[in-house]
Amino acid sequence: MDILSIGYGDIAQRAARLLVAKGHRLSGLCRHPENKPAAQGVELIAADASNEQDLKSVLHGHEYGAIIVTLTPSEYNKEGYRNGYVVPCRHLQQVINGLDYSPYVIYVSSTGVYGQREGEWIDEDSATEPDSDSGRMLLQAERLIHDLPVRTTILRCSGIYGPGRDFMLRQLKQQKVTLRDSWSNRIHQHDVARFIEFIVENPEKRDSLYLLNDDAPTKQYEVYQWLAHQLGVEISSDIEPGPGPRGSKRCNNSKLKSVGFQLQYPTFKDGYKEMLPNV
């Protein structure tokens, strides 16, 4: 199958390597291909997802069986989120409406579209009431994808971590940690890429929405305390009550497991154990 990745960051690159190994042909659309690592079996296309004419040229010039959308804003404010998430999806909607073929579209979103703050369990059916600009813009983008006239799957990922996504480790090393008594959730970046491969390879599993999280929602302070112990770093024992900036919720991954997908990193300890020797 010919597959187009709109956005070619870490998740898209990992998914591309897995899919090429299965015999698929990948094209990666990004603004600056010269800054991306070359990969066998992947053609990089210089184009801007925020430019409808660029998208039209790419999608009308070749027939793709699937499109993987992984977008990153260039600015982390309301306007940046709108330009980074909503505008490209609106342009994609316009272009796909004019195609004479029907690609399958996978959109990588975030559990930031949920606004729960009291430790509630959430799943694919939970209310989406985001309390941040990024969450609101992501939800708008999701709705544009959902309304496409083709088959779509939205992946709501919890906190993505892995090599290169080591915010918690850096905070510990810099002694900038505030411990909170709030629930936290995460998914390893390689498991996100593996699930993209999984639903491409298994068409019968292509439901409209999946929540991607590991098996172990954990209190934020417990994660920091475990990491500090592994690193031999002293941290404060003071724990702030109540939810943090990202709220407090517990992500239920039952649907992910029910379709037969097996996580390579079922808990944060499994993922961080691989990362710690390189810190």
Protein backbone atom coordinates (compact mmCIF):
# COMPACT_ATOMS: atom_id res chain seq x y z
CA MET A 1 0.00 0.00 0.00
CA ASP A 2 1.13 3.56 -0.67
CA ILE A 3 0.91 5.57 2.57
CA LEU A 4 1.34 9.31 3.13
CA SER A 5 2.47 10.74 6.46
CA ILE A 6 1.39 14.35 6.89
CA GLY A 7 3.94 15.50 9.43
CA TYR A 8 7.16 13.51 9.75
CA GLY A 9 8.31 13.75 13.34
CA ASP A 10 9.36 10.95 15.66
CA ILE A 11 6.05 9.03 15.75
CA ALA A 12 5.65 9.18 11.96
CA GLN A 13 9.26 8.10 11.43
CA ARG A 14 8.89 5.14 13.76
CA ALA A 15 5.63 4.08 12.12
CA ALA A 16 7.20 4.48 8.68
CA ARG A 17 10.06 2.11 9.53
CA LEU A 18 7.61 -0.50 10.80
CA LEU A 19 5.34 -0.17 7.77
CA VAL A 20 8.18 -0.26 5.24
CA ALA A 21 9.33 -3.50 6.88
CA LYS A 22 5.86 -4.90 6.11
CA GLY A 23 6.20 -4.00 2.43
CA HIS A 24 4.36 -0.68 2.33
CA ARG A 25 5.63 2.38 0.45
CA LEU A 26 5.85 5.54 2.55
CA SER A 27 5.92 9.22 1.68
CA GLY A 28 6.59 11.78 4.39
CA LEU A 29 5.26 15.32 3.95
CA CYS A 30 7.18 17.97 5.89
CA ARG A 31 8.34 21.55 5.47
CA HIS A 32 12.07 20.82 5.65
CA PRO A 33 13.01 17.33 4.41
CA GLU A 34 16.68 18.27 4.60
CA ASN A 35 16.38 18.26 8.41
CA LYS A 36 14.87 14.77 8.57
CA PRO A 37 16.79 11.49 8.70
CA ALA A 38 16.78 9.52 5.47
CA ALA A 39 15.15 6.11 5.69
CA GLN A 40 15.11 3.30 3.17
CA GLY A 41 11.73 2.98 1.52
CA VAL A 42 10.56 6.48 2.52
CA GLU A 43 10.24 9.37 0.08
CA LEU A 44 10.25 12.81 1.69
CA ILE A 45 8.09 15.52 0.13
CA ALA A 46 8.72 19.22 0.76
CA ALA A 47 5.28 20.67 1.45
CA ASP A 48 3.34 22.56 4.11
CA ALA A 49 0.29 20.93 5.71
CA SER A 50 -1.08 24.43 6.36
CA ASN A 51 -1.09 25.18 2.63
CA GLU A 52 -4.15 23.75 0.89
CA GLN A 53 -2.53 23.98 -2.52
CA ASP A 54 0.44 21.93 -1.31
CA LEU A 55 -1.89 19.23 0.03
CA LYS A 56 -3.93 19.26 -3.15
CA SER A 57 -0.84 18.84 -5.30
CA VAL A 58 0.40 15.87 -3.25
CA LEU A 59 -2.93 14.07 -2.88
CA HIS A 60 -4.16 14.63 -6.42
CA GLY A 61 -0.79 13.62 -7.85
CA HIS A 62 -0.76 10.14 -6.34
CA GLU A 63 -3.31 7.66 -4.97
CA TYR A 64 -2.66 6.77 -1.33
CA GLY A 65 -4.32 3.90 0.49
CA ALA A 66 -3.79 5.51 3.87
CA ILE A 67 -2.86 8.89 5.34
CA ILE A 68 -1.26 9.24 8.79
CA VAL A 69 -1.63 12.72 10.29
CA THR A 70 0.77 13.74 13.07
CA LEU A 71 0.81 17.50 13.54
CA THR A 72 2.97 19.67 15.80
CA PRO A 73 2.29 23.40 16.36
CA SER A 74 5.12 25.84 15.77
CA GLU A 75 3.91 28.05 18.65
CA TYR A 76 2.42 26.92 21.94
CA ASN A 77 -0.41 29.44 22.29
CA LYS A 78 -4.04 29.60 21.12
CA GLU A 79 -3.19 30.91 17.66
CA GLY A 80 -0.32 28.45 17.31
CA TYR A 81 -2.59 25.53 18.20
CA ARG A 82 -5.22 26.71 15.73
CA ASN A 83 -2.66 27.06 12.94
CA GLY A 84 -0.95 23.80 13.88
CA TYR A 85 -3.99 21.57 14.36
CA VAL A 86 -7.22 23.06 12.98
CA VAL A 87 -6.03 24.79 9.81
CA PRO A 88 -4.25 21.74 8.32
CA CYS A 89 -7.25 19.51 9.07
CA ARG A 90 -9.63 21.99 7.47
CA HIS A 91 -7.45 22.07 4.35
CA LEU A 92 -7.19 18.28 4.36
CA GLN A 93 -10.98 18.05 4.54
CA GLN A 94 -11.33 20.30 1.49
CA VAL A 95 -8.79 18.33 -0.50
CA ILE A 96 -10.17 14.89 0.39
CA ASN A 97 -13.67 16.05 -0.54
CA GLY A 98 -12.35 16.54 -4.08
CA LEU A 99 -10.51 13.22 -4.48
CA ASP A 100 -11.70 10.43 -6.77
CA TYR A 101 -10.35 7.80 -4.35
CA SER A 102 -10.93 7.13 -0.63
CA PRO A 103 -7.83 6.95 1.58
CA TYR A 104 -8.05 5.64 5.14
CA VAL A 105 -7.07 8.46 7.53
CA ILE A 106 -5.39 8.03 10.93
CA TYR A 107 -5.22 11.16 13.08
CA VAL A 108 -2.94 11.24 16.13
CA SER A 109 -4.61 13.37 18.81
CA SER A 110 -4.31 13.66 22.59
CA THR A 111 -6.17 12.94 25.81
CA GLY A 112 -5.89 16.71 26.29
CA VAL A 113 -9.41 16.82 24.80
CA TYR A 114 -10.66 15.53 28.17
CA GLY A 115 -10.98 17.99 31.05
CA GLN A 116 -11.57 15.70 34.01
CA ARG A 117 -9.73 16.83 37.15
CA GLU A 118 -10.96 14.63 40.02
CA GLY A 119 -9.25 11.33 39.29
CA GLU A 120 -12.10 9.98 37.18
CA TRP A 121 -11.63 6.96 34.95
CA ILE A 122 -12.06 7.93 31.29
CA ASP A 123 -12.40 5.97 28.07
CA GLU A 124 -13.47 6.54 24.47
CA ASP A 125 -17.05 7.31 25.56
CA SER A 126 -16.20 9.89 28.23
CA ALA A 127 -17.25 13.51 27.86
CA THR A 128 -14.78 15.78 26.06
CA GLU A 129 -14.73 19.13 27.83
CA PRO A 130 -11.17 20.43 27.39
CA ASP A 131 -10.03 23.19 29.73
CA SER A 132 -6.99 24.32 27.73
CA ASP A 133 -6.45 26.07 24.39
CA SER A 134 -4.52 23.09 23.05
CA GLY A 135 -7.30 20.68 24.04
CA ARG A 136 -9.99 22.85 22.47
CA MET A 137 -8.10 23.18 19.19
CA LEU A 138 -7.36 19.44 19.11
CA LEU A 139 -11.05 18.70 19.58
CA GLN A 140 -11.92 21.01 16.68
CA ALA A 141 -9.34 19.21 14.54
CA GLU A 142 -10.75 15.82 15.57
CA ARG A 143 -14.23 16.87 14.47
CA LEU A 144 -12.94 17.88 11.06
CA ILE A 145 -11.28 14.46 10.69
CA HIS A 146 -14.38 12.66 11.96
CA ASP A 147 -16.52 14.42 9.34
CA LEU A 148 -14.36 13.32 6.41
CA PRO A 149 -16.20 11.27 3.75
CA VAL A 150 -13.71 8.40 4.20
CA ARG A 151 -12.92 5.89 6.91
CA THR A 152 -11.03 7.46 9.80
CA THR A 153 -9.44 6.50 13.12
CA ILE A 154 -8.58 9.04 15.81
CA LEU A 155 -5.89 8.04 18.32
CA ARG A 156 -6.11 9.94 21.60
CA CYS A 157 -2.67 9.49 23.12
CA SER A 158 -1.89 10.21 26.75
CA GLY A 159 1.51 11.65 27.67
CA ILE A 160 3.91 10.34 25.03
CA TYR A 161 7.39 9.54 26.36
CA GLY A 162 10.52 7.76 25.20
CA PRO A 163 14.03 8.64 23.96
CA GLY A 164 14.06 12.36 23.17
CA ARG A 165 10.87 12.88 25.21
CA ASP A 166 12.50 12.94 28.62
CA PHE A 167 10.93 16.00 30.26
CA MET A 168 10.51 14.32 33.65
CA LEU A 169 14.13 13.18 33.72
CA ARG A 170 15.38 16.66 32.84
CA GLN A 171 13.19 18.22 35.53
CA LEU A 172 14.68 15.84 38.08
CA LYS A 173 18.26 16.52 37.04
CA GLN A 174 17.62 20.27 37.23
CA GLN A 175 15.84 20.02 40.60
CA LYS A 176 12.72 21.68 39.16
CA VAL A 177 10.17 19.14 40.36
CA THR A 178 6.86 19.92 42.04
CA LEU A 179 5.31 16.72 43.37
CA ARG A 180 1.54 16.54 42.97
CA ASP A 181 -1.12 14.20 44.31
CA SER A 182 -2.72 13.89 40.87
CA TRP A 183 -3.13 11.01 38.46
CA SER A 184 -0.87 10.87 35.42
CA ASN A 185 -1.01 8.76 32.27
CA ARG A 186 1.47 7.92 29.55
CA ILE A 187 2.17 5.83 26.47
CA HIS A 188 5.59 4.99 25.03
CA GLN A 189 6.23 6.53 21.61
CA HIS A 190 7.14 3.14 20.16
CA ASP A 191 3.80 1.67 21.24
CA VAL A 192 2.02 4.54 19.46
CA ALA A 193 3.94 3.74 16.28
CA ARG A 194 3.26 0.02 16.73
CA PHE A 195 -0.47 0.64 17.08
CA ILE A 196 -0.49 2.69 13.87
CA GLU A 197 1.14 -0.27 12.14
CA PHE A 198 -1.38 -2.60 13.82
CA ILE A 199 -4.49 -0.85 12.47
CA VAL A 200 -2.99 -0.40 9.01
CA GLU A 201 -2.23 -4.12 8.90
CA ASN A 202 -5.61 -5.15 10.39
CA PRO A 203 -8.43 -3.37 8.54
CA GLU A 204 -11.09 -5.06 10.66
CA LYS A 205 -9.69 -3.22 13.71
CA ARG A 206 -10.14 0.25 12.20
CA ASP A 207 -12.63 1.68 14.65
CA SER A 208 -13.27 5.42 14.68
CA LEU A 209 -11.60 6.13 18.04
CA TYR A 210 -9.00 4.61 20.36
CA LEU A 211 -7.55 5.90 23.61
CA LEU A 212 -3.84 5.02 23.75
CA ASN A 213 -2.47 4.58 27.26
CA ASP A 214 -0.38 2.00 29.06
CA ASP A 215 -1.72 -0.34 31.74
CA ALA A 216 -0.76 1.76 34.75
CA PRO A 217 -2.20 5.22 35.45
CA THR A 218 -0.01 6.38 38.33
CA LYS A 219 0.07 9.28 40.78
CA GLN A 220 2.46 11.92 39.46
CA TYR A 221 4.49 12.02 42.68
CA GLU A 222 4.97 8.24 42.60
CA VAL A 223 6.51 8.42 39.12
CA TYR A 224 8.95 11.15 40.19
CA GLN A 225 9.86 9.33 43.39
CA TRP A 226 10.62 6.12 41.50
CA LEU A 227 12.70 7.97 38.89
CA ALA A 228 14.59 9.88 41.58
CA HIS A 229 15.42 6.62 43.34
CA GLN A 230 16.69 5.10 40.08
CA LEU A 231 18.86 8.15 39.39
CA GLY A 232 20.07 8.55 42.96
CA VAL A 233 18.64 12.07 43.07
CA GLU A 234 17.30 13.68 46.25
CA ILE A 235 13.89 15.35 45.90
CA SER A 236 11.52 17.05 48.29
CA SER A 237 9.01 14.91 50.15
CA ASP A 238 6.41 17.71 49.98
CA ILE A 239 3.40 16.75 47.87
CA GLU A 240 1.01 19.41 46.55
CA PRO A 241 -2.66 18.44 46.93
CA GLY A 242 -5.17 18.56 44.10
CA PRO A 243 -4.85 18.31 40.32
CA GLY A 244 -1.94 19.72 38.36
CA PRO A 245 -2.05 21.86 35.18
CA ARG A 246 -3.09 18.79 33.16
CA GLY A 247 -5.89 17.82 35.52
CA SER A 248 -6.17 14.44 37.20
CA LYS A 249 -7.70 11.49 35.40
CA ARG A 250 -7.11 7.80 34.82
CA CYS A 251 -7.12 6.51 31.25
CA ASN A 252 -8.74 3.13 30.63
CA ASN A 253 -7.08 1.20 27.79
CA SER A 254 -9.56 -1.71 27.74
CA LYS A 255 -10.55 -1.08 24.13
CA LEU A 256 -6.91 -1.06 23.04
CA LYS A 257 -6.40 -4.44 24.68
CA SER A 258 -9.72 -5.88 23.44
CA VAL A 259 -8.62 -5.78 19.79
CA GLY A 260 -5.58 -7.93 20.50
CA PHE A 261 -2.87 -5.28 20.71
CA GLN A 262 -0.06 -6.04 23.15
CA LEU A 263 1.94 -3.18 24.63
CA GLN A 264 5.71 -3.45 24.53
CA TYR A 265 5.89 -1.04 27.48
CA PRO A 266 2.88 -1.79 29.74
CA THR A 267 4.08 0.48 32.59
CA PHE A 268 6.22 3.59 32.89
CA LYS A 269 8.90 1.52 34.63
CA ASP A 270 9.29 -0.69 31.56
CA GLY A 271 9.90 2.31 29.33
CA TYR A 272 12.12 4.34 31.63
CA LYS A 273 14.33 1.36 32.50
CA GLU A 274 15.54 1.45 28.88
CA MET A 275 16.08 5.21 28.96
CA LEU A 276 17.85 5.59 32.30
CA PRO A 277 21.25 4.15 31.25
CA ASN A 278 21.51 6.93 28.65
CA VAL A 279 20.74 9.79 31.02
